[in-house]
Amino acid sequence: MLVYEVNLDVDAGIAGEYRAWLDDHVRAMLALPGFVSARVFEVVATPPDATRAEWCVHYALRDDAALEAYLREHAPRMRRDGLARFGDRFRATRRVLRPAGD
């Protein structure tokens, strides 16, 4: 099992629209082969920044092969959708987490 983590930093002016889109995006990701579950977290900034909204999404994937297939076959299309809708009003960073000892 792997966790594919996506951290999102969004302009507060589009936060509501972006969050609604994110729900649909997560459902689309879960329909892809190898994706097992997803959880969206609100990032609590200290101190809060009223100009930004932040979320962190953890996608659980079956294995390394599922992640590799996603990155090769689906990631460019899935990423383009967000960029087409929201342009430079958000930033996304990604990392892969593996349970320690696996």
PDB file of N, CA and C in Angstrom:
ATOM      1  N   MET A   1       0.849  -1.181   0.000  1.00  0.00           N
ATOM      2  CA  MET A   1       0.000   0.000   0.000  1.00  0.00           C
ATOM      3  C   MET A   1       0.890   1.239   0.000  1.00  0.00           C
ATOM      4  N   LEU A   2       0.534   2.201  -0.829  1.00  0.00           N
ATOM      5  CA  LEU A   2       1.215   3.495  -0.900  1.00  0.00           C
ATOM      6  C   LEU A   2       0.197   4.600  -0.656  1.00  0.00           C
ATOM      7  N   VAL A   3       0.681   5.741  -0.203  1.00  0.00           N
ATOM      8  CA  VAL A   3      -0.143   6.942  -0.137  1.00  0.00           C
ATOM      9  C   VAL A   3       0.440   7.949  -1.118  1.00  0.00           C
ATOM     10  N   TYR A   4      -0.397   8.406  -2.019  1.00  0.00           N
ATOM     11  CA  TYR A   4      -0.050   9.468  -2.953  1.00  0.00           C
ATOM     12  C   TYR A   4      -0.676  10.726  -2.369  1.00  0.00           C
ATOM     13  N   GLU A   5       0.168  11.624  -1.892  1.00  0.00           N
ATOM     14  CA  GLU A   5      -0.289  12.824  -1.204  1.00  0.00           C
ATOM     15  C   GLU A   5      -0.228  14.016  -2.143  1.00  0.00           C
ATOM     16  N   VAL A   6      -1.319  14.775  -2.188  1.00  0.00           N
ATOM     17  CA  VAL A   6      -1.372  15.991  -2.989  1.00  0.00           C
ATOM     18  C   VAL A   6      -1.723  17.139  -2.051  1.00  0.00           C
ATOM     19  N   ASN A   7      -0.838  18.128  -1.979  1.00  0.00           N
ATOM     20  CA  ASN A   7      -1.052  19.308  -1.143  1.00  0.00           C
ATOM     21  C   ASN A   7      -1.468  20.460  -2.039  1.00  0.00           C
ATOM     22  N   LEU A   8      -2.570  21.107  -1.668  1.00  0.00           N
ATOM     23  CA  LEU A   8      -3.169  22.151  -2.500  1.00  0.00           C
ATOM     24  C   LEU A   8      -3.198  23.465  -1.746  1.00  0.00           C
ATOM     25  N   ASP A   9      -2.728  24.509  -2.388  1.00  0.00           N
ATOM     26  CA  ASP A   9      -2.715  25.868  -1.852  1.00  0.00           C
ATOM     27  C   ASP A   9      -3.520  26.700  -2.844  1.00  0.00           C
ATOM     28  N   VAL A  10      -4.686  27.179  -2.409  1.00  0.00           N
ATOM     29  CA  VAL A  10      -5.672  27.768  -3.316  1.00  0.00           C
ATOM     30  C   VAL A  10      -5.981  29.205  -2.905  1.00  0.00           C
ATOM     31  N   ASP A  11      -6.115  30.072  -3.899  1.00  0.00           N
ATOM     32  CA  ASP A  11      -6.549  31.445  -3.686  1.00  0.00           C
ATOM     33  C   ASP A  11      -7.935  31.414  -3.028  1.00  0.00           C
ATOM     34  N   ALA A  12      -8.117  32.129  -1.925  1.00  0.00           N
ATOM     35  CA  ALA A  12      -9.384  32.117  -1.193  1.00  0.00           C
ATOM     36  C   ALA A  12     -10.566  32.543  -2.067  1.00  0.00           C
ATOM     37  N   GLY A  13     -10.322  33.362  -3.078  1.00  0.00           N
ATOM     38  CA  GLY A  13     -11.390  33.825  -3.958  1.00  0.00           C
ATOM     39  C   GLY A  13     -12.048  32.721  -4.772  1.00  0.00           C
ATOM     40  N   ILE A  14     -11.368  31.604  -4.935  1.00  0.00           N
ATOM     41  CA  ILE A  14     -11.939  30.481  -5.687  1.00  0.00           C
ATOM     42  C   ILE A  14     -12.126  29.243  -4.813  1.00  0.00           C
ATOM     43  N   ALA A  15     -11.943  29.387  -3.510  1.00  0.00           N
ATOM     44  CA  ALA A  15     -11.932  28.223  -2.614  1.00  0.00           C
ATOM     45  C   ALA A  15     -13.206  27.393  -2.703  1.00  0.00           C
ATOM     46  N   GLY A  16     -14.369  28.018  -2.706  1.00  0.00           N
ATOM     47  CA  GLY A  16     -15.622  27.263  -2.772  1.00  0.00           C
ATOM     48  C   GLY A  16     -15.759  26.488  -4.061  1.00  0.00           C
ATOM     49  N   GLU A  17     -15.480  27.148  -5.172  1.00  0.00           N
ATOM     50  CA  GLU A  17     -15.553  26.502  -6.477  1.00  0.00           C
ATOM     51  C   GLU A  17     -14.503  25.397  -6.592  1.00  0.00           C
ATOM     52  N   TYR A  18     -13.315  25.667  -6.094  1.00  0.00           N
ATOM     53  CA  TYR A  18     -12.248  24.672  -6.159  1.00  0.00           C
ATOM     54  C   TYR A  18     -12.605  23.453  -5.318  1.00  0.00           C
ATOM     55  N   ARG A  19     -13.147  23.669  -4.126  1.00  0.00           N
ATOM     56  CA  ARG A  19     -13.489  22.546  -3.245  1.00  0.00           C
ATOM     57  C   ARG A  19     -14.576  21.670  -3.879  1.00  0.00           C
ATOM     58  N   ALA A  20     -15.551  22.286  -4.534  1.00  0.00           N
ATOM     59  CA  ALA A  20     -16.589  21.514  -5.227  1.00  0.00           C
ATOM     60  C   ALA A  20     -15.970  20.695  -6.355  1.00  0.00           C
ATOM     61  N   TRP A  21     -15.073  21.310  -7.116  1.00  0.00           N
ATOM     62  CA  TRP A  21     -14.380  20.585  -8.182  1.00  0.00           C
ATOM     63  C   TRP A  21     -13.536  19.454  -7.601  1.00  0.00           C
ATOM     64  N   LEU A  22     -12.887  19.714  -6.470  1.00  0.00           N
ATOM     65  CA  LEU A  22     -12.029  18.707  -5.858  1.00  0.00           C
ATOM     66  C   LEU A  22     -12.822  17.447  -5.500  1.00  0.00           C
ATOM     67  N   ASP A  23     -14.029  17.598  -5.002  1.00  0.00           N
ATOM     68  CA  ASP A  23     -14.856  16.426  -4.692  1.00  0.00           C
ATOM     69  C   ASP A  23     -15.063  15.563  -5.932  1.00  0.00           C
ATOM     70  N   ASP A  24     -15.382  16.193  -7.058  1.00  0.00           N
ATOM     71  CA  ASP A  24     -15.555  15.449  -8.316  1.00  0.00           C
ATOM     72  C   ASP A  24     -14.247  14.823  -8.764  1.00  0.00           C
ATOM     73  N   HIS A  25     -13.158  15.563  -8.612  1.00  0.00           N
ATOM     74  CA  HIS A  25     -11.838  15.082  -9.011  1.00  0.00           C
ATOM     75  C   HIS A  25     -11.446  13.841  -8.207  1.00  0.00           C
ATOM     76  N   VAL A  26     -11.686  13.881  -6.914  1.00  0.00           N
ATOM     77  CA  VAL A  26     -11.360  12.731  -6.063  1.00  0.00           C
ATOM     78  C   VAL A  26     -12.177  11.512  -6.495  1.00  0.00           C
ATOM     79  N   ARG A  27     -13.459  11.708  -6.787  1.00  0.00           N
ATOM     80  CA  ARG A  27     -14.280  10.581  -7.259  1.00  0.00           C
ATOM     81  C   ARG A  27     -13.720  10.008  -8.562  1.00  0.00           C
ATOM     82  N   ALA A  28     -13.277  10.875  -9.462  1.00  0.00           N
ATOM     83  CA  ALA A  28     -12.696  10.410 -10.726  1.00  0.00           C
ATOM     84  C   ALA A  28     -11.395   9.640 -10.481  1.00  0.00           C
ATOM     85  N   MET A  29     -10.594  10.109  -9.551  1.00  0.00           N
ATOM     86  CA  MET A  29      -9.353   9.406  -9.222  1.00  0.00           C
ATOM     87  C   MET A  29      -9.657   8.016  -8.666  1.00  0.00           C
ATOM     88  N   LEU A  30     -10.672   7.921  -7.815  1.00  0.00           N
ATOM     89  CA  LEU A  30     -11.008   6.635  -7.216  1.00  0.00           C
ATOM     90  C   LEU A  30     -11.560   5.640  -8.228  1.00  0.00           C
ATOM     91  N   ALA A  31     -11.989   6.123  -9.371  1.00  0.00           N
ATOM     92  CA  ALA A  31     -12.470   5.231 -10.432  1.00  0.00           C
ATOM     93  C   ALA A  31     -11.316   4.629 -11.226  1.00  0.00           C
ATOM     94  N   LEU A  32     -10.100   5.147 -11.041  1.00  0.00           N
ATOM     95  CA  LEU A  32      -8.945   4.650 -11.774  1.00  0.00           C
ATOM     96  C   LEU A  32      -8.429   3.346 -11.159  1.00  0.00           C
ATOM     97  N   PRO A  33      -7.843   2.485 -11.988  1.00  0.00           N
ATOM     98  CA  PRO A  33      -7.323   1.214 -11.468  1.00  0.00           C
ATOM     99  C   PRO A  33      -6.242   1.433 -10.405  1.00  0.00           C
ATOM    100  N   GLY A  34      -6.331   0.649  -9.333  1.00  0.00           N
ATOM    101  CA  GLY A  34      -5.307   0.680  -8.300  1.00  0.00           C
ATOM    102  C   GLY A  34      -5.561   1.640  -7.165  1.00  0.00           C
ATOM    103  N   PHE A  35      -6.505   2.577  -7.332  1.00  0.00           N
ATOM    104  CA  PHE A  35      -6.831   3.508  -6.248  1.00  0.00           C
ATOM    105  C   PHE A  35      -7.825   2.829  -5.320  1.00  0.00           C
ATOM    106  N   VAL A  36      -7.494   2.803  -4.033  1.00  0.00           N
ATOM    107  CA  VAL A  36      -8.285   2.071  -3.054  1.00  0.00           C
ATOM    108  C   VAL A  36      -9.209   2.994  -2.262  1.00  0.00           C
ATOM    109  N   SER A  37      -8.700   4.152  -1.845  1.00  0.00           N
ATOM    110  CA  SER A  37      -9.488   5.094  -1.057  1.00  0.00           C
ATOM    111  C   SER A  37      -8.835   6.469  -1.141  1.00  0.00           C
ATOM    112  N   ALA A  38      -9.559   7.467  -0.620  1.00  0.00           N
ATOM    113  CA  ALA A  38      -9.018   8.827  -0.563  1.00  0.00           C
ATOM    114  C   ALA A  38      -9.604   9.532   0.644  1.00  0.00           C
ATOM    115  N   ARG A  39      -8.829  10.446   1.162  1.00  0.00           N
ATOM    116  CA  ARG A  39      -9.279  11.260   2.286  1.00  0.00           C
ATOM    117  C   ARG A  39      -8.774  12.678   2.078  1.00  0.00           C
ATOM    118  N   VAL A  40      -9.680  13.654   2.211  1.00  0.00           N
ATOM    119  CA  VAL A  40      -9.333  15.061   2.038  1.00  0.00           C
ATOM    120  C   VAL A  40      -9.252  15.702   3.419  1.00  0.00           C
ATOM    121  N   PHE A  41      -8.142  16.370   3.674  1.00  0.00           N
ATOM    122  CA  PHE A  41      -7.921  17.066   4.935  1.00  0.00           C
ATOM    123  C   PHE A  41      -7.857  18.566   4.684  1.00  0.00           C
ATOM    124  N   GLU A  42      -8.437  19.337   5.570  1.00  0.00           N
ATOM    125  CA  GLU A  42      -8.243  20.777   5.553  1.00  0.00           C
ATOM    126  C   GLU A  42      -6.965  21.056   6.331  1.00  0.00           C
ATOM    127  N   VAL A  43      -6.075  21.826   5.751  1.00  0.00           N
ATOM    128  CA  VAL A  43      -4.836  22.193   6.431  1.00  0.00           C
ATOM    129  C   VAL A  43      -5.135  23.385   7.332  1.00  0.00           C
ATOM    130  N   VAL A  44      -4.794  23.245   8.586  1.00  0.00           N
ATOM    131  CA  VAL A  44      -5.036  24.307   9.561  1.00  0.00           C
ATOM    132  C   VAL A  44      -3.741  25.094   9.711  1.00  0.00           C
ATOM    133  N   ALA A  45      -3.743  26.293   9.173  1.00  0.00           N
ATOM    134  CA  ALA A  45      -2.549  27.139   9.224  1.00  0.00           C
ATOM    135  C   ALA A  45      -2.507  27.896  10.549  1.00  0.00           C
ATOM    136  N   THR A  46      -1.317  28.051  11.068  1.00  0.00           N
ATOM    137  CA  THR A  46      -1.123  28.797  12.306  1.00  0.00           C
ATOM    138  C   THR A  46      -0.066  29.858  12.067  1.00  0.00           C
ATOM    139  N   PRO A  47      -0.377  31.111  12.028  1.00  0.00           N
ATOM    140  CA  PRO A  47      -1.723  31.683  12.089  1.00  0.00           C
ATOM    141  C   PRO A  47      -2.439  31.520  10.744  1.00  0.00           C
ATOM    142  N   PRO A  48      -3.768  31.623  10.754  1.00  0.00           N
ATOM    143  CA  PRO A  48      -4.508  31.453   9.496  1.00  0.00           C
ATOM    144  C   PRO A  48      -4.206  32.571   8.504  1.00  0.00           C
ATOM    145  N   ASP A  49      -4.275  32.239   7.227  1.00  0.00           N
ATOM    146  CA  ASP A  49      -4.067  33.202   6.145  1.00  0.00           C
ATOM    147  C   ASP A  49      -5.392  33.322   5.396  1.00  0.00           C
ATOM    148  N   ALA A  50      -6.067  34.456   5.578  1.00  0.00           N
ATOM    149  CA  ALA A  50      -7.396  34.646   4.984  1.00  0.00           C
ATOM    150  C   ALA A  50      -7.366  34.702   3.465  1.00  0.00           C
ATOM    151  N   THR A  51      -6.188  34.833   2.870  1.00  0.00           N
ATOM    152  CA  THR A  51      -6.100  34.917   1.409  1.00  0.00           C
ATOM    153  C   THR A  51      -5.935  33.552   0.750  1.00  0.00           C
ATOM    154  N   ARG A  52      -5.764  32.500   1.550  1.00  0.00           N
ATOM    155  CA  ARG A  52      -5.484  31.167   1.025  1.00  0.00           C
ATOM    156  C   ARG A  52      -6.405  30.133   1.667  1.00  0.00           C
ATOM    157  N   ALA A  53      -6.637  29.050   0.945  1.00  0.00           N
ATOM    158  CA  ALA A  53      -7.281  27.852   1.482  1.00  0.00           C
ATOM    159  C   ALA A  53      -6.342  26.702   1.155  1.00  0.00           C
ATOM    160  N   GLU A  54      -6.198  25.763   2.072  1.00  0.00           N
ATOM    161  CA  GLU A  54      -5.274  24.660   1.842  1.00  0.00           C
ATOM    162  C   GLU A  54      -5.942  23.336   2.181  1.00  0.00           C
ATOM    163  N   TRP A  55      -5.696  22.351   1.313  1.00  0.00           N
ATOM    164  CA  TRP A  55      -6.159  20.990   1.541  1.00  0.00           C
ATOM    165  C   TRP A  55      -5.026  20.029   1.252  1.00  0.00           C
ATOM    166  N   CYS A  56      -5.101  18.881   1.872  1.00  0.00           N
ATOM    167  CA  CYS A  56      -4.162  17.791   1.633  1.00  0.00           C
ATOM    168  C   CYS A  56      -5.002  16.551   1.346  1.00  0.00           C
ATOM    169  N   VAL A  57      -4.743  15.910   0.220  1.00  0.00           N
ATOM    170  CA  VAL A  57      -5.493  14.717  -0.159  1.00  0.00           C
ATOM    171  C   VAL A  57      -4.552  13.517  -0.093  1.00  0.00           C
ATOM    172  N   HIS A  58      -4.992  12.486   0.608  1.00  0.00           N
ATOM    173  CA  HIS A  58      -4.258  11.225   0.662  1.00  0.00           C
ATOM    174  C   HIS A  58      -5.025  10.191  -0.139  1.00  0.00           C
ATOM    175  N   TYR A  59      -4.408   9.738  -1.228  1.00  0.00           N
ATOM    176  CA  TYR A  59      -4.964   8.654  -2.022  1.00  0.00           C
ATOM    177  C   TYR A  59      -4.210   7.388  -1.667  1.00  0.00           C
ATOM    178  N   ALA A  60      -4.919   6.342  -1.278  1.00  0.00           N
ATOM    179  CA  ALA A  60      -4.291   5.047  -1.022  1.00  0.00           C
ATOM    180  C   ALA A  60      -4.298   4.268  -2.331  1.00  0.00           C
ATOM    181  N   LEU A  61      -3.124   3.766  -2.690  1.00  0.00           N
ATOM    182  CA  LEU A  61      -2.983   2.950  -3.901  1.00  0.00           C
ATOM    183  C   LEU A  61      -2.557   1.545  -3.526  1.00  0.00           C
ATOM    184  N   ARG A  62      -2.972   0.618  -4.334  1.00  0.00           N
ATOM    185  CA  ARG A  62      -2.703  -0.797  -4.089  1.00  0.00           C
ATOM    186  C   ARG A  62      -1.216  -1.094  -3.992  1.00  0.00           C
ATOM    187  N   ASP A  63      -0.412  -0.548  -4.932  1.00  0.00           N
ATOM    188  CA  ASP A  63       1.010  -0.887  -4.964  1.00  0.00           C
ATOM    189  C   ASP A  63       1.768   0.070  -5.882  1.00  0.00           C
ATOM    190  N   ASP A  64       3.067  -0.127  -5.989  1.00  0.00           N
ATOM    191  CA  ASP A  64       3.922   0.715  -6.838  1.00  0.00           C
ATOM    192  C   ASP A  64       3.477   0.679  -8.292  1.00  0.00           C
ATOM    193  N   ALA A  65       3.070  -0.488  -8.776  1.00  0.00           N
ATOM    194  CA  ALA A  65       2.646  -0.624 -10.179  1.00  0.00           C
ATOM    195  C   ALA A  65       1.431   0.254 -10.459  1.00  0.00           C
ATOM    196  N   ALA A  66       0.501   0.340  -9.514  1.00  0.00           N
ATOM    197  CA  ALA A  66      -0.680   1.186  -9.697  1.00  0.00           C
ATOM    198  C   ALA A  66      -0.284   2.657  -9.786  1.00  0.00           C
ATOM    199  N   LEU A  67       0.654   3.079  -8.948  1.00  0.00           N
ATOM    200  CA  LEU A  67       1.120   4.465  -8.996  1.00  0.00           C
ATOM    201  C   LEU A  67       1.825   4.741 -10.321  1.00  0.00           C
ATOM    202  N   GLU A  68       2.694   3.847 -10.726  1.00  0.00           N
ATOM    203  CA  GLU A  68       3.408   4.030 -11.995  1.00  0.00           C
ATOM    204  C   GLU A  68       2.442   4.116 -13.164  1.00  0.00           C
ATOM    205  N   ALA A  69       1.410   3.266 -13.176  1.00  0.00           N
ATOM    206  CA  ALA A  69       0.414   3.300 -14.251  1.00  0.00           C
ATOM    207  C   ALA A  69      -0.350   4.620 -14.231  1.00  0.00           C
ATOM    208  N   TYR A  70      -0.726   5.090 -13.048  1.00  0.00           N
ATOM    209  CA  TYR A  70      -1.417   6.374 -12.944  1.00  0.00           C
ATOM    210  C   TYR A  70      -0.544   7.500 -13.493  1.00  0.00           C
ATOM    211  N   LEU A  71       0.694   7.578 -13.046  1.00  0.00           N
ATOM    212  CA  LEU A  71       1.588   8.657 -13.481  1.00  0.00           C
ATOM    213  C   LEU A  71       1.813   8.628 -14.988  1.00  0.00           C
ATOM    214  N   ARG A  72       1.895   7.460 -15.548  1.00  0.00           N
ATOM    215  CA  ARG A  72       2.147   7.304 -16.980  1.00  0.00           C
ATOM    216  C   ARG A  72       0.891   7.547 -17.831  1.00  0.00           C
ATOM    217  N   GLU A  73      -0.235   7.001 -17.394  1.00  0.00           N
ATOM    218  CA  GLU A  73      -1.419   6.960 -18.255  1.00  0.00           C
ATOM    219  C   GLU A  73      -2.491   7.999 -17.942  1.00  0.00           C
ATOM    220  N   HIS A  74      -2.557   8.496 -16.717  1.00  0.00           N
ATOM    221  CA  HIS A  74      -3.678   9.345 -16.322  1.00  0.00           C
ATOM    222  C   HIS A  74      -3.293  10.704 -15.757  1.00  0.00           C
ATOM    223  N   ALA A  75      -2.154  10.814 -15.114  1.00  0.00           N
ATOM    224  CA  ALA A  75      -1.787  12.052 -14.416  1.00  0.00           C
ATOM    225  C   ALA A  75      -1.804  13.287 -15.311  1.00  0.00           C
ATOM    226  N   PRO A  76      -1.232  13.228 -16.520  1.00  0.00           N
ATOM    227  CA  PRO A  76      -1.242  14.458 -17.334  1.00  0.00           C
ATOM    228  C   PRO A  76      -2.658  14.983 -17.591  1.00  0.00           C
ATOM    229  N   ARG A  77      -3.588  14.101 -17.898  1.00  0.00           N
ATOM    230  CA  ARG A  77      -4.971  14.506 -18.171  1.00  0.00           C
ATOM    231  C   ARG A  77      -5.636  15.038 -16.903  1.00  0.00           C
ATOM    232  N   MET A  78      -5.452  14.354 -15.784  1.00  0.00           N
ATOM    233  CA  MET A  78      -6.089  14.774 -14.537  1.00  0.00           C
ATOM    234  C   MET A  78      -5.544  16.130 -14.080  1.00  0.00           C
ATOM    235  N   ARG A  79      -4.274  16.348 -14.260  1.00  0.00           N
ATOM    236  CA  ARG A  79      -3.671  17.623 -13.856  1.00  0.00           C
ATOM    237  C   ARG A  79      -4.099  18.761 -14.780  1.00  0.00           C
ATOM    238  N   ARG A  80      -4.213  18.471 -16.075  1.00  0.00           N
ATOM    239  CA  ARG A  80      -4.630  19.501 -17.039  1.00  0.00           C
ATOM    240  C   ARG A  80      -6.008  20.063 -16.711  1.00  0.00           C
ATOM    241  N   ASP A  81      -6.893  19.213 -16.220  1.00  0.00           N
ATOM    242  CA  ASP A  81      -8.249  19.656 -15.918  1.00  0.00           C
ATOM    243  C   ASP A  81      -8.243  20.778 -14.882  1.00  0.00           C
ATOM    244  N   GLY A  82      -7.504  20.601 -13.798  1.00  0.00           N
ATOM    245  CA  GLY A  82      -7.426  21.643 -12.780  1.00  0.00           C
ATOM    246  C   GLY A  82      -6.797  22.923 -13.309  1.00  0.00           C
ATOM    247  N   LEU A  83      -5.741  22.768 -14.090  1.00  0.00           N
ATOM    248  CA  LEU A  83      -5.072  23.947 -14.662  1.00  0.00           C
ATOM    249  C   LEU A  83      -5.988  24.684 -15.630  1.00  0.00           C
ATOM    250  N   ALA A  84      -6.757  23.950 -16.420  1.00  0.00           N
ATOM    251  CA  ALA A  84      -7.667  24.581 -17.372  1.00  0.00           C
ATOM    252  C   ALA A  84      -8.759  25.371 -16.646  1.00  0.00           C
ATOM    253  N   ARG A  85      -9.211  24.862 -15.526  1.00  0.00           N
ATOM    254  CA  ARG A  85     -10.293  25.523 -14.782  1.00  0.00           C
ATOM    255  C   ARG A  85      -9.811  26.676 -13.918  1.00  0.00           C
ATOM    256  N   PHE A  86      -8.645  26.528 -13.292  1.00  0.00           N
ATOM    257  CA  PHE A  86      -8.237  27.479 -12.253  1.00  0.00           C
ATOM    258  C   PHE A  86      -6.917  28.182 -12.531  1.00  0.00           C
ATOM    259  N   GLY A  87      -6.240  27.834 -13.610  1.00  0.00           N
ATOM    260  CA  GLY A  87      -5.010  28.513 -13.998  1.00  0.00           C
ATOM    261  C   GLY A  87      -3.991  28.583 -12.885  1.00  0.00           C
ATOM    262  N   ASP A  88      -3.480  29.776 -12.658  1.00  0.00           N
ATOM    263  CA  ASP A  88      -2.418  29.952 -11.661  1.00  0.00           C
ATOM    264  C   ASP A  88      -2.954  30.364 -10.292  1.00  0.00           C
ATOM    265  N   ARG A  89      -4.248  30.142 -10.048  1.00  0.00           N
ATOM    266  CA  ARG A  89      -4.837  30.532  -8.765  1.00  0.00           C
ATOM    267  C   ARG A  89      -4.727  29.437  -7.707  1.00  0.00           C
ATOM    268  N   PHE A  90      -3.977  28.388  -8.037  1.00  0.00           N
ATOM    269  CA  PHE A  90      -3.700  27.340  -7.066  1.00  0.00           C
ATOM    270  C   PHE A  90      -2.333  26.738  -7.360  1.00  0.00           C
ATOM    271  N   ARG A  91      -1.796  26.066  -6.355  1.00  0.00           N
ATOM    272  CA  ARG A  91      -0.545  25.322  -6.515  1.00  0.00           C
ATOM    273  C   ARG A  91      -0.763  23.930  -5.938  1.00  0.00           C
ATOM    274  N   ALA A  92      -0.143  22.956  -6.575  1.00  0.00           N
ATOM    275  CA  ALA A  92      -0.216  21.580  -6.073  1.00  0.00           C
ATOM    276  C   ALA A  92       1.197  21.026  -5.973  1.00  0.00           C
ATOM    277  N   THR A  93       1.473  20.391  -4.856  1.00  0.00           N
ATOM    278  CA  THR A  93       2.717  19.651  -4.699  1.00  0.00           C
ATOM    279  C   THR A  93       2.342  18.222  -4.330  1.00  0.00           C
ATOM    280  N   ARG A  94       3.210  17.310  -4.691  1.00  0.00           N
ATOM    281  CA  ARG A  94       2.894  15.899  -4.501  1.00  0.00           C
ATOM    282  C   ARG A  94       4.074  15.160  -3.897  1.00  0.00           C
ATOM    283  N   ARG A  95       3.750  14.094  -3.161  1.00  0.00           N
ATOM    284  CA  ARG A  95       4.784  13.193  -2.689  1.00  0.00           C
ATOM    285  C   ARG A  95       4.151  11.819  -2.472  1.00  0.00           C
ATOM    286  N   VAL A  96       5.010  10.820  -2.383  1.00  0.00           N
ATOM    287  CA  VAL A  96       4.572   9.445  -2.185  1.00  0.00           C
ATOM    288  C   VAL A  96       5.062   8.988  -0.827  1.00  0.00           C
ATOM    289  N   LEU A  97       4.167   8.377  -0.066  1.00  0.00           N
ATOM    290  CA  LEU A  97       4.493   7.879   1.266  1.00  0.00           C
ATOM    291  C   LEU A  97       4.324   6.373   1.298  1.00  0.00           C
ATOM    292  N   ARG A  98       5.242   5.706   1.959  1.00  0.00           N
ATOM    293  CA  ARG A  98       5.171   4.258   2.122  1.00  0.00           C
ATOM    294  C   ARG A  98       5.233   3.979   3.623  1.00  0.00           C
ATOM    295  N   PRO A  99       4.378   3.093   4.130  1.00  0.00           N
ATOM    296  CA  PRO A  99       4.460   2.763   5.559  1.00  0.00           C
ATOM    297  C   PRO A  99       5.865   2.296   5.926  1.00  0.00           C
ATOM    298  N   ALA A 100       6.372   2.762   7.023  1.00  0.00           N
ATOM    299  CA  ALA A 100       7.710   2.384   7.473  1.00  0.00           C
ATOM    300  C   ALA A 100       7.747   0.873   7.723  1.00  0.00           C
ATOM    301  N   GLY A 101       8.826   0.258   7.285  1.00  0.00           N
ATOM    302  CA  GLY A 101       8.995  -1.170   7.484  1.00  0.00           C
ATOM    303  C   GLY A 101       8.493  -2.021   6.353  1.00  0.00           C
ATOM    304  N   ASP A 102       7.822  -1.420   5.361  1.00  0.00           N
ATOM    305  CA  ASP A 102       7.343  -2.200   4.207  1.00  0.00           C
ATOM    306  C   ASP A 102       8.399  -2.325   3.143  1.00  0.00           C
TER     307      ASP A 102
END
